[in-house]
Amino acid sequence: MENEIINFENKNFKKSEFISLFESIYEHSNWVIKNVIEGGSSNPNTMIELKSAMKKIVDKSSDSLKIKLLRSHPELGIKKNQLSNLTASSQEEQKSAGLDQCSEEEYKEIKQLNKIYKKKFKFPFIIAVKGLNRSDVIDSMSIRVKNNYEEEFLTAINEVHKIAKIRLESLKI
């Protein structure tokens, strides 16, 4: 029901407004928030409840849906002139780690690591970059590209959850 009112953090939202507000928490995956509010149980009333509900939806989803979620994330280290291809959240996150300021050498290294990683795992390298710098990201890429598929799949999903948590905490409601 589109006109349904959702009370969240002591504010009332139309269902469509609520979805719109939270649809980018999990990159290009509005199915997460839609499943939270259409899941048959009561709607979350607080940010803590919402964080937990969204995480549960992702964790209980099929591996193929999780892969789709992972593949929804952009590659890291996109050149400045290509940033407009990213969601606003991704742009800010990459800028916060200085990834839009890479030297040509750093850019080439990230691009090469992205290529190796994506060929091996079939999804892009994902890391919650808040609090990290370019060197931290490159070091993590160099280490994680050596993981086996199972451990990297779990690591990538956990990083997606960290990104979602950061995005939720930064929202002004």
Protein backbone atom coordinates (compact mmCIF):
# COMPACT_ATOMS: atom_id res chain seq x y z
CA MET A 1 0.00 0.00 0.00
CA GLU A 2 1.72 3.16 -1.31
CA ASN A 3 -0.04 5.58 1.07
CA GLU A 4 0.98 3.57 4.11
CA ILE A 5 2.59 5.74 6.79
CA ILE A 6 5.76 4.55 8.46
CA ASN A 7 6.70 6.00 11.82
CA PHE A 8 10.48 6.09 12.10
CA GLU A 9 12.53 7.99 14.66
CA ASN A 10 9.31 9.73 15.77
CA LYS A 11 8.63 11.07 12.27
CA ASN A 12 6.00 9.96 9.79
CA PHE A 13 6.99 8.99 6.26
CA LYS A 14 4.95 7.80 3.32
CA LYS A 15 6.14 4.37 2.27
CA SER A 16 7.55 5.78 -1.00
CA GLU A 17 9.43 8.53 0.92
CA PHE A 18 10.87 5.96 3.30
CA ILE A 19 12.11 3.79 0.43
CA SER A 20 13.57 6.82 -1.32
CA LEU A 21 15.38 7.92 1.84
CA PHE A 22 17.09 4.55 2.36
CA GLU A 23 17.34 3.02 -1.10
CA SER A 24 21.00 3.93 -1.64
CA ILE A 25 22.27 2.60 1.69
CA TYR A 26 23.13 -0.63 -0.08
CA GLU A 27 24.58 0.51 -3.42
CA HIS A 28 22.04 0.33 -6.26
CA SER A 29 20.10 -2.28 -4.27
CA ASN A 30 16.78 -0.81 -3.21
CA TRP A 31 15.47 -4.36 -2.81
CA VAL A 32 17.06 -4.35 0.65
CA ILE A 33 14.91 -1.54 2.07
CA LYS A 34 11.85 -2.75 0.14
CA ASN A 35 12.22 -6.20 1.72
CA VAL A 36 12.58 -4.65 5.17
CA ILE A 37 9.26 -2.82 4.96
CA GLU A 38 7.40 -5.43 2.95
CA GLY A 39 8.69 -8.37 4.96
CA GLY A 40 5.47 -8.89 6.87
CA SER A 41 6.86 -8.12 10.30
CA SER A 42 6.66 -4.74 11.98
CA ASN A 43 8.59 -1.86 10.47
CA PRO A 44 11.73 -0.70 12.25
CA ASN A 45 11.18 2.34 14.45
CA THR A 46 14.77 3.32 15.13
CA MET A 47 18.04 3.54 13.21
CA ILE A 48 19.41 0.61 15.24
CA GLU A 49 16.43 -1.55 14.31
CA LEU A 50 16.71 -0.50 10.66
CA LYS A 51 20.44 -1.26 10.52
CA SER A 52 19.80 -4.70 11.96
CA ALA A 53 16.83 -5.41 9.68
CA MET A 54 18.73 -4.39 6.53
CA LYS A 55 21.74 -6.48 7.50
CA LYS A 56 19.50 -9.51 8.13
CA ILE A 57 17.84 -9.12 4.72
CA VAL A 58 21.23 -9.16 3.00
CA ASP A 59 22.62 -12.00 5.14
CA LYS A 60 19.56 -14.19 4.49
CA SER A 61 19.50 -13.48 0.74
CA SER A 62 20.76 -16.01 -1.79
CA ASP A 63 24.39 -16.04 -2.86
CA SER A 64 23.31 -14.94 -6.35
CA LEU A 65 21.56 -11.88 -4.89
CA LYS A 66 24.62 -11.14 -2.75
CA ILE A 67 26.81 -11.34 -5.86
CA LYS A 68 24.46 -8.93 -7.61
CA LEU A 69 24.82 -6.58 -4.61
CA LEU A 70 28.61 -6.84 -4.73
CA ARG A 71 28.63 -6.19 -8.47
CA SER A 72 26.54 -3.06 -7.88
CA HIS A 73 29.55 -1.41 -6.25
CA PRO A 74 31.92 0.68 -8.36
CA GLU A 75 35.60 0.04 -8.70
CA LEU A 76 37.79 2.11 -6.42
CA GLY A 77 40.26 4.65 -7.74
CA ILE A 78 38.22 6.08 -10.55
CA LYS A 79 39.85 9.11 -12.14
CA LYS A 80 38.50 12.55 -11.28
CA ASN A 81 36.82 13.04 -14.66
CA GLN A 82 34.89 9.76 -14.22
CA LEU A 83 33.53 10.45 -10.72
CA SER A 84 30.17 11.55 -12.10
CA ASN A 85 29.49 7.88 -12.94
CA LEU A 86 29.35 7.14 -9.19
CA THR A 87 26.50 7.61 -6.75
CA ALA A 88 26.85 10.69 -4.56
CA SER A 89 27.70 8.46 -1.58
CA SER A 90 30.43 6.62 -3.50
CA GLN A 91 31.90 9.89 -4.76
CA GLU A 92 32.17 11.28 -1.23
CA GLU A 93 33.55 8.03 0.17
CA GLN A 94 36.25 7.76 -2.50
CA LYS A 95 37.15 11.44 -2.09
CA SER A 96 37.44 10.99 1.69
CA ALA A 97 40.21 8.44 1.14
CA GLY A 98 41.91 10.66 -1.43
CA LEU A 99 41.20 8.21 -4.22
CA ASP A 100 40.29 11.08 -6.53
CA GLN A 101 43.80 12.49 -5.94
CA CYS A 102 45.85 9.43 -6.92
CA SER A 103 49.16 9.96 -8.63
CA GLU A 104 49.44 8.34 -12.05
CA GLU A 105 51.51 5.55 -10.46
CA GLU A 106 48.91 4.94 -7.72
CA TYR A 107 46.12 5.02 -10.27
CA LYS A 108 47.90 2.42 -12.44
CA GLU A 109 48.52 0.20 -9.39
CA ILE A 110 44.88 0.38 -8.28
CA LYS A 111 43.70 -0.25 -11.83
CA GLN A 112 45.95 -3.32 -12.13
CA LEU A 113 44.87 -4.66 -8.73
CA ASN A 114 41.22 -4.06 -9.64
CA LYS A 115 41.72 -6.03 -12.86
CA ILE A 116 43.38 -8.99 -11.09
CA TYR A 117 40.82 -8.94 -8.28
CA LYS A 118 37.80 -8.77 -10.58
CA LYS A 119 39.15 -11.54 -12.80
CA LYS A 120 39.69 -13.78 -9.77
CA PHE A 121 36.49 -13.05 -7.82
CA LYS A 122 34.06 -11.82 -10.52
CA PHE A 123 33.05 -8.77 -8.46
CA PRO A 124 34.85 -5.48 -7.69
CA PHE A 125 37.11 -4.92 -4.71
CA ILE A 126 35.00 -3.42 -1.92
CA ILE A 127 36.24 -1.74 1.22
CA ALA A 128 34.73 0.78 3.61
CA VAL A 129 37.18 3.61 2.99
CA LYS A 130 36.14 5.91 5.84
CA GLY A 131 39.25 6.68 7.87
CA LEU A 132 41.55 5.15 5.24
CA ASN A 133 43.94 6.81 2.82
CA ARG A 134 45.16 5.78 -0.64
CA SER A 135 48.03 3.72 0.75
CA ASP A 136 45.70 1.84 3.12
CA VAL A 137 43.40 0.98 0.21
CA ILE A 138 46.27 -0.18 -2.03
CA ASP A 139 47.75 -2.26 0.81
CA SER A 140 44.36 -3.89 1.49
CA MET A 141 43.88 -4.64 -2.19
CA SER A 142 47.34 -6.23 -2.38
CA ILE A 143 46.59 -8.46 0.61
CA ARG A 144 42.98 -9.39 -0.16
CA VAL A 145 43.61 -10.30 -3.79
CA LYS A 146 45.47 -13.32 -2.37
CA ASN A 147 42.41 -14.59 -0.45
CA ASN A 148 40.45 -17.61 -1.58
CA TYR A 149 36.96 -17.07 -2.97
CA GLU A 150 35.03 -18.01 0.18
CA GLU A 151 36.97 -15.76 2.52
CA GLU A 152 36.89 -12.87 0.07
CA PHE A 153 33.16 -13.26 -0.57
CA LEU A 154 32.53 -13.01 3.19
CA THR A 155 34.98 -10.13 3.56
CA ALA A 156 33.31 -8.22 0.71
CA ILE A 157 29.83 -8.72 2.21
CA ASN A 158 31.12 -7.54 5.60
CA GLU A 159 32.63 -4.46 3.95
CA VAL A 160 29.27 -3.76 2.29
CA HIS A 161 27.65 -3.90 5.74
CA LYS A 162 30.28 -1.47 7.08
CA ILE A 163 29.57 0.92 4.20
CA ALA A 164 25.83 0.67 4.88
CA LYS A 165 26.38 1.37 8.58
CA ILE A 166 28.48 4.44 7.78
CA ARG A 167 25.87 5.69 5.31
CA LEU A 168 23.05 5.19 7.79
CA GLU A 169 24.94 6.97 10.55
CA SER A 170 25.67 9.93 8.31
CA LEU A 171 22.03 10.41 7.25
CA LYS A 172 20.27 13.45 8.65
CA ILE A 173 16.62 12.62 9.34
